[in-house]
Amino acid sequence: MSTILVTGANGFVGSHTVPALLDADHRVVAMVRTRSAGDELLGRLGAARRSDVELREADVTRPATLGPALAGVDAVVHLAAIPRDYTGGADLARVNTEGTRAILAAMTAAGIRRLVHLGALGVADDPRLHYASSKARAESAVRDSGLDWTILKPSLQFGPGDGFFNIVAGLVRLSPGIVPVPGDGKSRFQPIFVGDVAAVVIRSLVDPSTVGGTFELGGPRYWTYREITEEVLRALGKRRAIVPMPIPLIRLVAGSAELVHLPFPVATDQLRQLRLDNVGPLDLIPSRFGFEPRPMEGGLGYLRRRPRDQYGAAE
């Protein structure tokens, strides 16, 4: 049994990774920014498992808090990140890039070598792409760290409590008979079940051959943006006309939503990133990690519930 610190433990991926680590008989130190975030995580675990998780309050944007959080830890699973901001990329850089550098420095100072880092598929260090560049620079820092690292780069993740698919579902519920998709709706993705990402995290931690490896993670097929929207409609039992919307127009809508901090399926920054494919090899998980990833078809039933009620729900 190892002691694993999980950053961003109360987030979407963290909330699925923590129980997976417990199932694999690891001791979990859940790093959270606030006590209320920790209580939220523990509430999702159920009473029988709460005593197996130690909460430690720390913040990747406050490096001085990281040393105490790492005490007695054997390895780190670094999940803490944000997908968008309202500051022109400044918060993305502060959390995703500089926060990762802070974790790397704290691990080095503490003598902790093993790191599994959650990157992202289809990112590039392009200053016009705020999220993509923040994640690409973080991955570069990990590779240059001298630690025993593994980088996992998933495509869109689906599962109870997710962001993207729940936002699309919310848009469907509010729409007056139509659902817009950006451009021609042919941008490609490879959605992967968050539980499968957690399973790869577990396998990576115990497999020394993954050290120094970067793995692009996706589900068993490619999906276009339009096909994803159609699958969300099927899951909700709704009928809507799917209407391609010119990128300049949807950018105007997304930009207006950002001005008032309203959720929208894609941010203006993400619209710029649609020109990059978000797909990887179809056979990597079966061939490298020994299991078949869950297909998304029929797997979005949790969207019929409110996001806060989805944890523990059957998909």
Protein backbone atom coordinates (compact mmCIF):
# COMPACT_ATOMS: atom_id res chain seq x y z
CA MET A 1 0.00 0.00 0.00
CA SER A 2 1.32 3.43 -0.99
CA THR A 3 0.29 6.86 0.20
CA ILE A 4 -0.88 8.88 -2.80
CA LEU A 5 -1.54 12.61 -2.74
CA VAL A 6 -4.21 13.72 -5.22
CA THR A 7 -4.32 17.40 -6.16
CA GLY A 8 -7.71 18.69 -7.24
CA ALA A 9 -9.20 15.76 -5.34
CA ASN A 10 -12.69 17.28 -5.12
CA GLY A 11 -12.89 18.04 -8.86
CA PHE A 12 -14.56 15.94 -11.53
CA VAL A 13 -11.63 13.62 -12.26
CA GLY A 14 -10.49 13.61 -8.64
CA SER A 15 -13.90 12.53 -7.38
CA HIS A 16 -13.62 9.41 -9.52
CA THR A 17 -9.90 8.81 -8.98
CA VAL A 18 -9.96 8.91 -5.17
CA PRO A 19 -12.37 5.95 -4.81
CA ALA A 20 -10.43 4.05 -7.49
CA LEU A 21 -7.25 4.50 -5.46
CA LEU A 22 -9.03 3.29 -2.34
CA ASP A 23 -10.30 0.24 -4.22
CA ALA A 24 -6.67 -0.49 -5.15
CA ASP A 25 -5.76 -0.43 -1.42
CA HIS A 26 -3.81 2.82 -1.50
CA ARG A 27 -3.94 5.36 1.27
CA VAL A 28 -5.21 8.66 -0.12
CA VAL A 29 -4.24 12.17 0.88
CA ALA A 30 -6.78 14.46 -0.76
CA MET A 31 -5.43 17.94 -1.38
CA VAL A 32 -8.24 20.51 -1.42
CA ARG A 33 -8.31 24.28 -1.31
CA THR A 34 -10.93 24.58 1.43
CA ARG A 35 -12.48 22.47 4.13
CA SER A 36 -15.88 22.75 2.44
CA ALA A 37 -14.40 21.27 -0.75
CA GLY A 38 -13.02 18.40 1.32
CA ASP A 39 -16.38 17.83 2.98
CA GLU A 40 -17.98 17.71 -0.46
CA LEU A 41 -15.52 15.02 -1.54
CA LEU A 42 -16.06 12.96 1.59
CA GLY A 43 -19.82 13.23 1.15
CA ARG A 44 -19.54 11.60 -2.26
CA LEU A 45 -17.54 8.68 -0.85
CA GLY A 46 -20.04 7.47 1.70
CA ALA A 47 -19.57 6.96 5.43
CA ALA A 48 -17.72 3.63 5.20
CA ARG A 49 -14.82 5.07 3.21
CA ARG A 50 -14.38 8.52 4.68
CA SER A 51 -11.91 7.39 7.33
CA ASP A 52 -9.60 6.10 4.57
CA VAL A 53 -9.01 9.60 3.19
CA GLU A 54 -6.95 12.31 4.84
CA LEU A 55 -7.81 15.87 3.86
CA ARG A 56 -5.04 18.44 3.57
CA GLU A 57 -5.75 22.03 2.65
CA ALA A 58 -3.33 23.51 0.14
CA ASP A 59 -3.37 25.41 -3.13
CA VAL A 60 -1.09 25.00 -6.14
CA THR A 61 -1.14 28.79 -6.58
CA ARG A 62 0.24 29.23 -3.04
CA PRO A 63 3.54 27.30 -3.09
CA ALA A 64 4.17 27.79 0.62
CA THR A 65 1.18 25.53 1.39
CA LEU A 66 2.49 22.57 -0.62
CA GLY A 67 5.36 21.37 1.58
CA PRO A 68 3.14 20.39 4.52
CA ALA A 69 0.63 18.79 2.17
CA LEU A 70 3.34 16.48 0.77
CA ALA A 71 4.59 15.20 4.13
CA GLY A 72 4.75 11.40 4.23
CA VAL A 73 3.56 10.97 0.64
CA ASP A 74 4.97 8.32 -1.72
CA ALA A 75 3.58 9.62 -5.01
CA VAL A 76 1.48 12.44 -6.46
CA VAL A 77 -1.43 12.34 -8.90
CA HIS A 78 -1.66 15.90 -10.19
CA LEU A 79 -5.17 16.66 -11.42
CA ALA A 80 -5.65 20.28 -10.33
CA ALA A 81 -6.43 22.44 -13.37
CA ILE A 82 -9.09 24.74 -14.77
CA PRO A 83 -10.60 24.45 -18.29
CA ARG A 84 -11.38 28.13 -18.90
CA ASP A 85 -11.11 31.54 -17.33
CA TYR A 86 -12.47 35.05 -17.67
CA THR A 87 -9.11 36.82 -17.54
CA GLY A 88 -7.76 36.38 -21.05
CA GLY A 89 -5.70 33.33 -20.11
CA ALA A 90 -4.05 34.77 -17.00
CA ASP A 91 -5.79 32.39 -14.57
CA LEU A 92 -5.20 29.43 -16.89
CA ALA A 93 -1.49 30.17 -16.84
CA ARG A 94 -1.48 30.77 -13.08
CA VAL A 95 -3.23 27.50 -12.21
CA ASN A 96 -2.38 25.09 -15.01
CA THR A 97 1.20 26.10 -15.77
CA GLU A 98 2.58 27.82 -12.68
CA GLY A 99 0.59 25.57 -10.36
CA THR A 100 2.19 22.53 -11.98
CA ARG A 101 5.64 24.08 -11.65
CA ALA A 102 4.94 24.70 -7.98
CA ILE A 103 3.99 21.04 -7.44
CA LEU A 104 7.16 19.91 -9.23
CA ALA A 105 9.32 22.15 -7.08
CA ALA A 106 7.62 21.02 -3.88
CA MET A 107 8.03 17.36 -4.83
CA THR A 108 11.70 17.87 -5.56
CA ALA A 109 12.22 19.63 -2.23
CA ALA A 110 10.39 16.82 -0.40
CA GLY A 111 12.28 14.05 -2.19
CA ILE A 112 9.12 12.61 -3.77
CA ARG A 113 9.88 11.28 -7.23
CA ARG A 114 6.76 9.54 -8.58
CA LEU A 115 4.25 11.69 -10.44
CA VAL A 116 1.25 10.95 -12.61
CA HIS A 117 0.26 14.16 -14.35
CA LEU A 118 -3.06 14.71 -16.10
CA GLY A 119 -2.44 16.62 -19.31
CA ALA A 120 -4.86 17.04 -22.19
CA LEU A 121 -5.19 15.68 -25.71
CA GLY A 122 -4.76 17.99 -28.67
CA VAL A 123 -2.94 20.85 -26.95
CA ALA A 124 -0.15 22.99 -28.35
CA ASP A 125 2.01 25.79 -27.02
CA ASP A 126 0.33 28.49 -29.09
CA PRO A 127 -0.15 31.87 -27.37
CA ARG A 128 -3.45 32.32 -29.23
CA LEU A 129 -4.81 29.20 -27.44
CA HIS A 130 -4.89 30.03 -23.76
CA TYR A 131 -5.97 26.68 -22.33
CA ALA A 132 -3.95 24.62 -24.79
CA SER A 133 -0.77 26.59 -24.23
CA SER A 134 -1.19 26.51 -20.44
CA LYS A 135 -1.47 22.71 -20.49
CA ALA A 136 1.29 22.26 -23.08
CA ARG A 137 3.70 24.34 -21.01
CA ALA A 138 2.77 22.35 -17.90
CA GLU A 139 3.53 19.09 -19.71
CA SER A 140 6.87 20.49 -20.85
CA ALA A 141 7.72 21.41 -17.25
CA VAL A 142 6.88 17.86 -16.14
CA ARG A 143 9.14 16.36 -18.81
CA ASP A 144 12.00 18.62 -17.74
CA SER A 145 11.51 18.02 -14.01
CA GLY A 146 13.86 15.08 -13.53
CA LEU A 147 11.11 13.25 -11.62
CA ASP A 148 9.73 9.80 -12.39
CA TRP A 149 6.75 11.13 -14.34
CA THR A 150 3.95 9.72 -16.43
CA ILE A 151 1.76 12.06 -18.48
CA LEU A 152 -1.81 11.04 -19.34
CA LYS A 153 -3.56 13.08 -22.05
CA PRO A 154 -7.31 12.31 -22.23
CA SER A 155 -9.81 13.58 -24.76
CA LEU A 156 -13.21 14.84 -23.56
CA GLN A 157 -14.21 12.92 -20.43
CA PHE A 158 -17.77 11.86 -19.70
CA GLY A 159 -19.25 10.60 -16.45
CA PRO A 160 -21.29 11.78 -13.47
CA GLY A 161 -20.42 15.36 -12.60
CA ASP A 162 -18.64 16.16 -15.87
CA GLY A 163 -18.43 19.64 -17.30
CA PHE A 164 -18.79 19.59 -21.08
CA PHE A 165 -21.63 17.09 -21.47
CA ASN A 166 -23.64 18.59 -18.61
CA ILE A 167 -23.32 22.03 -20.19
CA VAL A 168 -24.56 20.69 -23.54
CA ALA A 169 -27.45 19.01 -21.71
CA GLY A 170 -28.29 22.29 -20.00
CA LEU A 171 -28.28 24.06 -23.34
CA VAL A 172 -30.65 21.41 -24.73
CA ARG A 173 -33.07 21.94 -21.85
CA LEU A 174 -33.11 25.69 -22.37
CA SER A 175 -33.24 25.67 -26.16
CA PRO A 176 -36.43 26.62 -28.07
CA GLY A 177 -36.32 23.60 -30.36
CA ILE A 178 -32.79 24.01 -31.71
CA VAL A 179 -29.26 23.30 -30.53
CA PRO A 180 -26.35 25.17 -32.17
CA VAL A 181 -23.05 23.49 -32.96
CA PRO A 182 -19.88 25.42 -33.86
CA GLY A 183 -19.05 25.66 -37.54
CA ASP A 184 -19.94 22.56 -39.51
CA GLY A 185 -20.01 20.38 -36.37
CA LYS A 186 -17.30 18.11 -37.79
CA SER A 187 -14.58 18.78 -35.22
CA ARG A 188 -13.43 15.37 -33.97
CA PHE A 189 -13.17 14.10 -30.40
CA GLN A 190 -12.57 10.75 -28.72
CA PRO A 191 -14.70 10.83 -25.55
CA ILE A 192 -13.47 8.64 -22.72
CA PHE A 193 -15.23 7.54 -19.54
CA VAL A 194 -13.73 9.21 -16.48
CA GLY A 195 -13.64 5.87 -14.68
CA ASP A 196 -11.37 4.54 -17.42
CA VAL A 197 -9.02 7.49 -16.94
CA ALA A 198 -8.95 6.69 -13.21
CA ALA A 199 -8.16 3.04 -14.04
CA VAL A 200 -5.21 4.13 -16.19
CA VAL A 201 -3.97 6.32 -13.33
CA ILE A 202 -3.97 3.27 -11.02
CA ARG A 203 -2.18 1.06 -13.54
CA SER A 204 0.39 3.76 -14.27
CA LEU A 205 1.26 4.17 -10.60
CA VAL A 206 2.19 0.52 -10.19
CA ASP A 207 3.79 -0.04 -13.61
CA PRO A 208 7.36 1.28 -13.69
CA SER A 209 7.45 0.88 -17.47
CA THR A 210 5.13 3.90 -17.76
CA VAL A 211 7.76 6.21 -16.24
CA GLY A 212 8.83 8.73 -18.85
CA GLY A 213 5.83 7.88 -21.01
CA THR A 214 3.16 10.15 -22.48
CA PHE A 215 -0.14 8.41 -23.28
CA GLU A 216 -3.00 9.83 -25.36
CA LEU A 217 -6.23 8.44 -23.91
CA GLY A 218 -9.53 8.14 -25.71
CA GLY A 219 -12.55 5.93 -26.05
CA PRO A 220 -13.16 3.22 -28.66
CA ARG A 221 -14.34 5.51 -31.48
CA TYR A 222 -14.12 9.04 -32.83
CA TRP A 223 -17.11 11.40 -32.56
CA THR A 224 -17.86 14.68 -34.26
CA TYR A 225 -19.27 17.58 -32.29
CA ARG A 226 -22.60 17.01 -34.03
CA GLU A 227 -22.64 13.31 -33.16
CA ILE A 228 -21.90 14.13 -29.52
CA THR A 229 -24.85 16.53 -29.47
CA GLU A 230 -27.07 13.84 -30.98
CA GLU A 231 -25.99 11.39 -28.25
CA VAL A 232 -26.80 13.94 -25.53
CA LEU A 233 -30.26 14.38 -27.07
CA ARG A 234 -30.80 10.60 -27.03
CA ALA A 235 -29.73 10.40 -23.40
CA LEU A 236 -32.21 13.12 -22.44
CA GLY A 237 -35.01 11.76 -24.62
CA LYS A 238 -35.28 15.14 -26.34
CA ARG A 239 -35.86 16.16 -29.92
CA ARG A 240 -34.09 19.25 -31.19
CA ALA A 241 -32.95 20.51 -34.55
CA ILE A 242 -29.15 20.64 -34.64
CA VAL A 243 -28.18 23.85 -36.39
CA PRO A 244 -24.62 24.60 -37.59
CA MET A 245 -23.67 28.09 -36.48
CA PRO A 246 -20.88 30.09 -38.13
CA ILE A 247 -17.86 30.36 -35.86
CA PRO A 248 -17.92 34.21 -35.80
CA LEU A 249 -21.55 34.17 -34.65
CA ILE A 250 -21.09 31.50 -31.99
CA ARG A 251 -17.97 33.34 -30.84
CA LEU A 252 -20.17 36.40 -30.30
CA VAL A 253 -22.64 34.33 -28.27
CA ALA A 254 -19.88 32.64 -26.27
CA GLY A 255 -18.17 35.97 -25.67
CA SER A 256 -21.40 37.49 -24.40
CA ALA A 257 -21.88 34.55 -22.03
CA GLU A 258 -18.35 34.98 -20.74
CA LEU A 259 -18.93 38.67 -20.01
CA VAL A 260 -21.62 37.72 -17.49
CA HIS A 261 -19.91 34.45 -16.42
CA LEU A 262 -22.65 32.19 -17.77
CA PRO A 263 -21.79 28.58 -18.75
CA PHE A 264 -21.66 27.82 -22.45
CA PRO A 265 -20.50 24.54 -24.05
CA VAL A 266 -17.45 26.19 -25.61
CA ALA A 267 -15.44 29.21 -24.58
CA THR A 268 -14.09 31.66 -27.14
CA ASP A 269 -10.66 30.22 -26.41
CA GLN A 270 -11.96 26.70 -27.07
CA LEU A 271 -13.49 27.82 -30.35
CA ARG A 272 -10.02 28.77 -31.52
CA GLN A 273 -8.81 25.33 -30.50
CA LEU A 274 -11.42 23.50 -32.60
CA ARG A 275 -9.00 23.65 -35.51
CA LEU A 276 -6.87 21.07 -33.65
CA ASP A 277 -7.95 17.42 -33.63
CA ASN A 278 -8.78 16.01 -30.21
CA VAL A 279 -8.20 12.35 -31.05
CA GLY A 280 -5.50 9.78 -30.44
CA PRO A 281 -4.91 6.09 -31.18
CA LEU A 282 -7.97 3.85 -30.84
CA ASP A 283 -6.08 0.83 -29.53
CA LEU A 284 -3.76 2.34 -26.92
CA ILE A 285 -5.75 1.49 -23.78
CA PRO A 286 -6.39 -2.18 -24.71
CA SER A 287 -2.84 -2.75 -25.92
CA ARG A 288 -0.98 -0.80 -23.22
CA PHE A 289 -3.23 -0.95 -20.16
CA GLY A 290 -5.07 -4.23 -20.73
CA PHE A 291 -8.76 -3.31 -20.80
CA GLU A 292 -11.40 -2.10 -23.22
CA PRO A 293 -12.54 1.50 -22.63
CA ARG A 294 -16.25 2.03 -22.14
CA PRO A 295 -18.15 3.24 -25.22
CA MET A 296 -20.12 6.46 -24.87
CA GLU A 297 -23.17 5.06 -26.68
CA GLY A 298 -25.94 4.69 -24.11
CA GLY A 299 -23.61 5.87 -21.34
CA LEU A 300 -24.92 9.38 -20.73
CA GLY A 301 -28.02 8.49 -18.74
CA TYR A 302 -26.67 10.36 -15.72
CA LEU A 303 -27.43 13.60 -17.61
CA ARG A 304 -31.11 13.13 -16.73
CA ARG A 305 -30.18 14.10 -13.17
CA ARG A 306 -28.89 17.42 -11.90
CA PRO A 307 -25.08 17.45 -11.75
CA ARG A 308 -25.01 17.50 -7.95
CA ASP A 309 -27.25 14.39 -7.87
CA GLN A 310 -25.25 12.38 -10.43
CA TYR A 311 -22.58 10.87 -8.20
CA GLY A 312 -23.49 7.29 -7.39
CA ALA A 313 -26.16 7.27 -10.12
CA ALA A 314 -26.25 4.51 -12.70
CA GLU A 315 -25.10 5.66 -16.08
